[in-house]
């Protein structure tokens, strides 16, 4: 594993991402989702909203890193504030 510098934050990120994907898989097997319309202009399932939320988190953090030198934890908080309503009501 010499190709990547594994910091505790990097390791935590990939572990949490793997746990979220495993959890969503188990949730989908236990209770299949039904496509519904929320505030997004298309019908989405839980998996669709998770994917859109993860993409939104990625772009929010990239934009935060590119635009400001402020703490990355603020960008993380903003991206979570975007993810929660998108996943719940999107």
N, C-alpha and C. Protein backbone atom coordinates (compact mmCIF):
# COMPACT_ATOMS: atom_id res chain seq x y z
N UNK A 1 0.83 -1.20 0.00
CA UNK A 1 0.00 0.00 0.00
C UNK A 1 0.87 1.26 0.00
N UNK A 2 2.02 1.20 -0.64
CA UNK A 2 2.94 2.33 -0.68
C UNK A 2 2.51 3.41 -1.68
N UNK A 3 1.52 3.12 -2.51
CA UNK A 3 1.13 4.07 -3.55
C UNK A 3 0.33 5.24 -3.00
N UNK A 4 -0.13 5.14 -1.75
CA UNK A 4 -0.94 6.21 -1.18
C UNK A 4 -0.47 6.50 0.24
N UNK A 5 -0.46 7.77 0.58
CA UNK A 5 -0.09 8.18 1.93
C UNK A 5 -1.32 8.08 2.82
N UNK A 6 -1.38 7.07 3.66
CA UNK A 6 -2.56 6.80 4.49
C UNK A 6 -2.48 7.54 5.81
N UNK A 7 -3.12 8.70 5.86
CA UNK A 7 -3.24 9.43 7.11
C UNK A 7 -4.45 8.88 7.86
N UNK A 8 -4.59 9.16 9.14
CA UNK A 8 -5.79 8.73 9.85
C UNK A 8 -7.08 9.28 9.22
N UNK A 9 -7.04 10.52 8.73
CA UNK A 9 -8.24 11.10 8.11
C UNK A 9 -8.60 10.37 6.81
N UNK A 10 -7.60 10.03 6.01
CA UNK A 10 -7.84 9.30 4.77
C UNK A 10 -8.42 7.92 5.05
N UNK A 11 -7.83 7.25 6.02
CA UNK A 11 -8.32 5.93 6.40
C UNK A 11 -9.75 6.00 6.90
N UNK A 12 -10.03 6.97 7.76
CA UNK A 12 -11.38 7.14 8.29
C UNK A 12 -12.39 7.41 7.17
N UNK A 13 -12.00 8.23 6.21
CA UNK A 13 -12.88 8.55 5.09
C UNK A 13 -13.29 7.28 4.34
N UNK A 14 -12.31 6.46 3.98
CA UNK A 14 -12.62 5.27 3.20
C UNK A 14 -13.35 4.21 4.02
N UNK A 15 -13.05 4.12 5.31
CA UNK A 15 -13.78 3.18 6.17
C UNK A 15 -15.24 3.61 6.29
N UNK A 16 -15.49 4.90 6.53
CA UNK A 16 -16.87 5.39 6.65
C UNK A 16 -17.61 5.22 5.33
N UNK A 17 -16.96 5.51 4.22
CA UNK A 17 -17.60 5.33 2.92
C UNK A 17 -17.98 3.87 2.68
N UNK A 18 -17.10 2.95 3.02
CA UNK A 18 -17.40 1.53 2.86
C UNK A 18 -18.55 1.11 3.78
N UNK A 19 -18.56 1.61 5.01
CA UNK A 19 -19.65 1.27 5.93
C UNK A 19 -20.99 1.84 5.45
N UNK A 20 -20.98 3.05 4.91
CA UNK A 20 -22.21 3.64 4.37
C UNK A 20 -22.73 2.80 3.21
N UNK A 21 -21.86 2.40 2.31
CA UNK A 21 -22.29 1.58 1.17
C UNK A 21 -22.80 0.21 1.61
N UNK A 22 -22.12 -0.40 2.57
CA UNK A 22 -22.60 -1.69 3.10
C UNK A 22 -23.94 -1.52 3.81
N UNK A 23 -24.06 -0.47 4.59
CA UNK A 23 -25.32 -0.20 5.29
C UNK A 23 -26.47 0.05 4.33
N UNK A 24 -26.21 0.81 3.27
CA UNK A 24 -27.26 1.07 2.28
C UNK A 24 -27.64 -0.21 1.54
N UNK A 25 -26.68 -1.07 1.29
CA UNK A 25 -26.97 -2.35 0.63
C UNK A 25 -27.87 -3.20 1.51
N UNK A 26 -27.53 -3.31 2.78
CA UNK A 26 -28.36 -4.09 3.71
C UNK A 26 -29.75 -3.49 3.86
N UNK A 27 -29.84 -2.16 3.93
CA UNK A 27 -31.12 -1.48 4.04
C UNK A 27 -31.97 -1.75 2.81
N UNK A 28 -31.34 -1.73 1.63
CA UNK A 28 -32.07 -1.98 0.38
C UNK A 28 -32.55 -3.43 0.31
N UNK A 29 -31.74 -4.36 0.79
CA UNK A 29 -32.16 -5.76 0.79
C UNK A 29 -33.29 -5.99 1.79
N UNK A 30 -33.23 -5.33 2.91
CA UNK A 30 -34.24 -5.49 3.96
C UNK A 30 -35.56 -4.79 3.60
N UNK A 31 -35.44 -3.61 3.02
CA UNK A 31 -36.61 -2.81 2.69
C UNK A 31 -36.36 -2.08 1.36
N UNK A 32 -36.74 -2.70 0.24
CA UNK A 32 -36.49 -2.06 -1.06
C UNK A 32 -37.14 -0.68 -1.15
N UNK A 33 -36.39 0.25 -1.70
CA UNK A 33 -36.90 1.62 -1.79
C UNK A 33 -37.84 1.78 -2.98
N UNK A 34 -38.68 2.76 -2.88
CA UNK A 34 -39.64 3.10 -3.93
C UNK A 34 -39.27 4.48 -4.45
N UNK A 35 -39.23 4.63 -5.76
CA UNK A 35 -38.93 5.93 -6.35
C UNK A 35 -40.01 6.93 -5.95
N UNK A 36 -39.59 8.11 -5.54
CA UNK A 36 -40.53 9.15 -5.15
C UNK A 36 -39.98 10.50 -5.58
N UNK A 37 -40.86 11.46 -5.60
CA UNK A 37 -40.46 12.83 -5.93
C UNK A 37 -40.38 13.64 -4.66
N UNK A 38 -39.25 14.31 -4.51
CA UNK A 38 -39.07 15.24 -3.41
C UNK A 38 -38.93 16.63 -4.00
N UNK A 39 -38.00 17.41 -3.47
CA UNK A 39 -37.79 18.75 -4.02
C UNK A 39 -36.92 18.73 -5.28
N UNK A 40 -36.27 17.59 -5.55
CA UNK A 40 -35.51 17.48 -6.80
C UNK A 40 -36.47 17.27 -7.97
N UNK A 41 -36.13 17.76 -9.16
CA UNK A 41 -37.06 17.67 -10.28
C UNK A 41 -37.07 16.30 -10.98
N UNK A 42 -36.85 15.22 -10.22
CA UNK A 42 -36.89 13.88 -10.78
C UNK A 42 -37.23 12.89 -9.68
N UNK A 43 -37.71 11.73 -10.08
CA UNK A 43 -38.01 10.68 -9.11
C UNK A 43 -36.71 9.99 -8.72
N UNK A 44 -36.52 9.81 -7.42
CA UNK A 44 -35.28 9.21 -6.94
C UNK A 44 -35.56 8.13 -5.90
N UNK A 45 -34.63 7.19 -5.79
CA UNK A 45 -34.65 6.19 -4.73
C UNK A 45 -33.61 6.60 -3.69
N UNK A 46 -33.54 5.83 -2.60
CA UNK A 46 -32.54 6.13 -1.57
C UNK A 46 -31.13 6.11 -2.15
N UNK A 47 -30.85 5.12 -2.98
CA UNK A 47 -29.51 5.01 -3.58
C UNK A 47 -29.19 6.19 -4.47
N UNK A 48 -30.17 6.66 -5.23
CA UNK A 48 -29.97 7.84 -6.07
C UNK A 48 -29.64 9.06 -5.22
N UNK A 49 -30.40 9.24 -4.14
CA UNK A 49 -30.17 10.39 -3.27
C UNK A 49 -28.83 10.29 -2.54
N UNK A 50 -28.41 9.07 -2.19
CA UNK A 50 -27.10 8.89 -1.58
C UNK A 50 -26.01 9.29 -2.56
N UNK A 51 -26.11 8.82 -3.79
CA UNK A 51 -25.12 9.15 -4.81
C UNK A 51 -25.07 10.66 -5.04
N UNK A 52 -26.22 11.29 -5.22
CA UNK A 52 -26.26 12.73 -5.44
C UNK A 52 -25.69 13.48 -4.23
N UNK A 53 -25.99 12.99 -3.03
CA UNK A 53 -25.46 13.62 -1.82
C UNK A 53 -23.95 13.50 -1.72
N UNK A 54 -23.41 12.33 -2.07
CA UNK A 54 -21.95 12.16 -2.03
C UNK A 54 -21.26 13.03 -3.07
N UNK A 55 -21.87 13.17 -4.23
CA UNK A 55 -21.31 14.05 -5.25
C UNK A 55 -21.36 15.50 -4.77
N UNK A 56 -22.47 15.89 -4.13
CA UNK A 56 -22.60 17.24 -3.59
C UNK A 56 -21.55 17.50 -2.51
N UNK A 57 -21.31 16.52 -1.65
CA UNK A 57 -20.27 16.65 -0.62
C UNK A 57 -18.91 16.84 -1.27
N UNK A 58 -18.61 16.04 -2.27
CA UNK A 58 -17.30 16.14 -2.94
C UNK A 58 -17.10 17.52 -3.56
N UNK A 59 -18.09 18.00 -4.31
CA UNK A 59 -17.94 19.29 -4.96
C UNK A 59 -17.94 20.44 -3.97
N UNK A 60 -18.71 20.34 -2.90
CA UNK A 60 -18.70 21.38 -1.88
C UNK A 60 -17.32 21.47 -1.22
N UNK A 61 -16.74 20.33 -0.88
CA UNK A 61 -15.41 20.34 -0.27
C UNK A 61 -14.34 20.82 -1.23
N UNK A 62 -14.43 20.42 -2.50
CA UNK A 62 -13.46 20.91 -3.49
C UNK A 62 -13.58 22.41 -3.67
N UNK A 63 -14.80 22.92 -3.76
CA UNK A 63 -15.01 24.36 -3.90
C UNK A 63 -14.49 25.11 -2.67
N UNK A 64 -14.77 24.56 -1.49
CA UNK A 64 -14.31 25.20 -0.25
C UNK A 64 -12.78 25.26 -0.23
N UNK A 65 -12.14 24.18 -0.62
CA UNK A 65 -10.68 24.14 -0.63
C UNK A 65 -10.11 25.11 -1.65
N UNK A 66 -10.77 25.24 -2.80
CA UNK A 66 -10.27 26.11 -3.85
C UNK A 66 -10.53 27.58 -3.62
N UNK A 67 -11.58 27.92 -2.88
CA UNK A 67 -11.99 29.31 -2.74
C UNK A 67 -11.42 29.96 -1.48
N UNK A 68 -11.23 29.21 -0.42
CA UNK A 68 -10.85 29.81 0.84
C UNK A 68 -9.73 29.04 1.52
N UNK A 69 -9.04 29.71 2.40
CA UNK A 69 -8.01 29.07 3.21
C UNK A 69 -8.52 28.76 4.62
N UNK A 70 -9.80 28.97 4.85
CA UNK A 70 -10.38 28.71 6.17
C UNK A 70 -10.35 27.21 6.46
N UNK A 71 -10.65 26.87 7.68
CA UNK A 71 -10.59 25.47 8.13
C UNK A 71 -11.47 24.57 7.27
N UNK A 72 -10.92 23.41 6.96
CA UNK A 72 -11.67 22.44 6.16
C UNK A 72 -12.88 21.90 6.93
N UNK A 73 -12.85 21.99 8.25
CA UNK A 73 -13.98 21.53 9.06
C UNK A 73 -15.22 22.37 8.78
N UNK A 74 -15.05 23.64 8.44
CA UNK A 74 -16.20 24.47 8.07
C UNK A 74 -16.80 23.97 6.76
N UNK A 75 -15.96 23.66 5.80
CA UNK A 75 -16.44 23.10 4.53
C UNK A 75 -17.12 21.77 4.74
N UNK A 76 -16.58 20.95 5.65
CA UNK A 76 -17.20 19.68 5.98
C UNK A 76 -18.59 19.89 6.58
N UNK A 77 -18.71 20.86 7.48
CA UNK A 77 -20.01 21.18 8.07
C UNK A 77 -21.01 21.66 7.03
N UNK A 78 -20.56 22.50 6.12
CA UNK A 78 -21.44 22.97 5.04
C UNK A 78 -21.89 21.82 4.14
N UNK A 79 -20.97 20.92 3.84
CA UNK A 79 -21.34 19.81 2.97
C UNK A 79 -22.31 18.86 3.67
N UNK A 80 -22.15 18.67 4.98
CA UNK A 80 -23.13 17.85 5.71
C UNK A 80 -24.49 18.54 5.77
N UNK A 81 -24.47 19.86 5.93
CA UNK A 81 -25.72 20.62 5.94
C UNK A 81 -26.43 20.53 4.59
N UNK A 82 -25.70 20.34 3.53
CA UNK A 82 -26.28 20.13 2.20
C UNK A 82 -26.74 18.69 2.02
N UNK A 83 -25.96 17.74 2.54
CA UNK A 83 -26.25 16.32 2.35
C UNK A 83 -27.53 15.87 3.04
N UNK A 84 -27.72 16.28 4.28
CA UNK A 84 -28.85 15.77 5.08
C UNK A 84 -30.19 16.06 4.42
N UNK A 85 -30.52 17.32 4.07
CA UNK A 85 -31.82 17.53 3.41
C UNK A 85 -31.90 16.89 2.02
N UNK A 86 -30.77 16.85 1.32
CA UNK A 86 -30.78 16.22 -0.01
C UNK A 86 -31.11 14.74 0.10
N UNK A 87 -30.52 14.06 1.08
CA UNK A 87 -30.78 12.63 1.24
C UNK A 87 -32.17 12.38 1.81
N UNK A 88 -32.60 13.21 2.73
CA UNK A 88 -33.88 12.97 3.41
C UNK A 88 -35.08 13.38 2.56
N UNK A 89 -35.03 14.58 1.98
CA UNK A 89 -36.21 15.11 1.29
C UNK A 89 -36.01 15.29 -0.21
N UNK A 90 -34.83 14.96 -0.73
CA UNK A 90 -34.54 15.15 -2.16
C UNK A 90 -35.35 14.25 -2.99
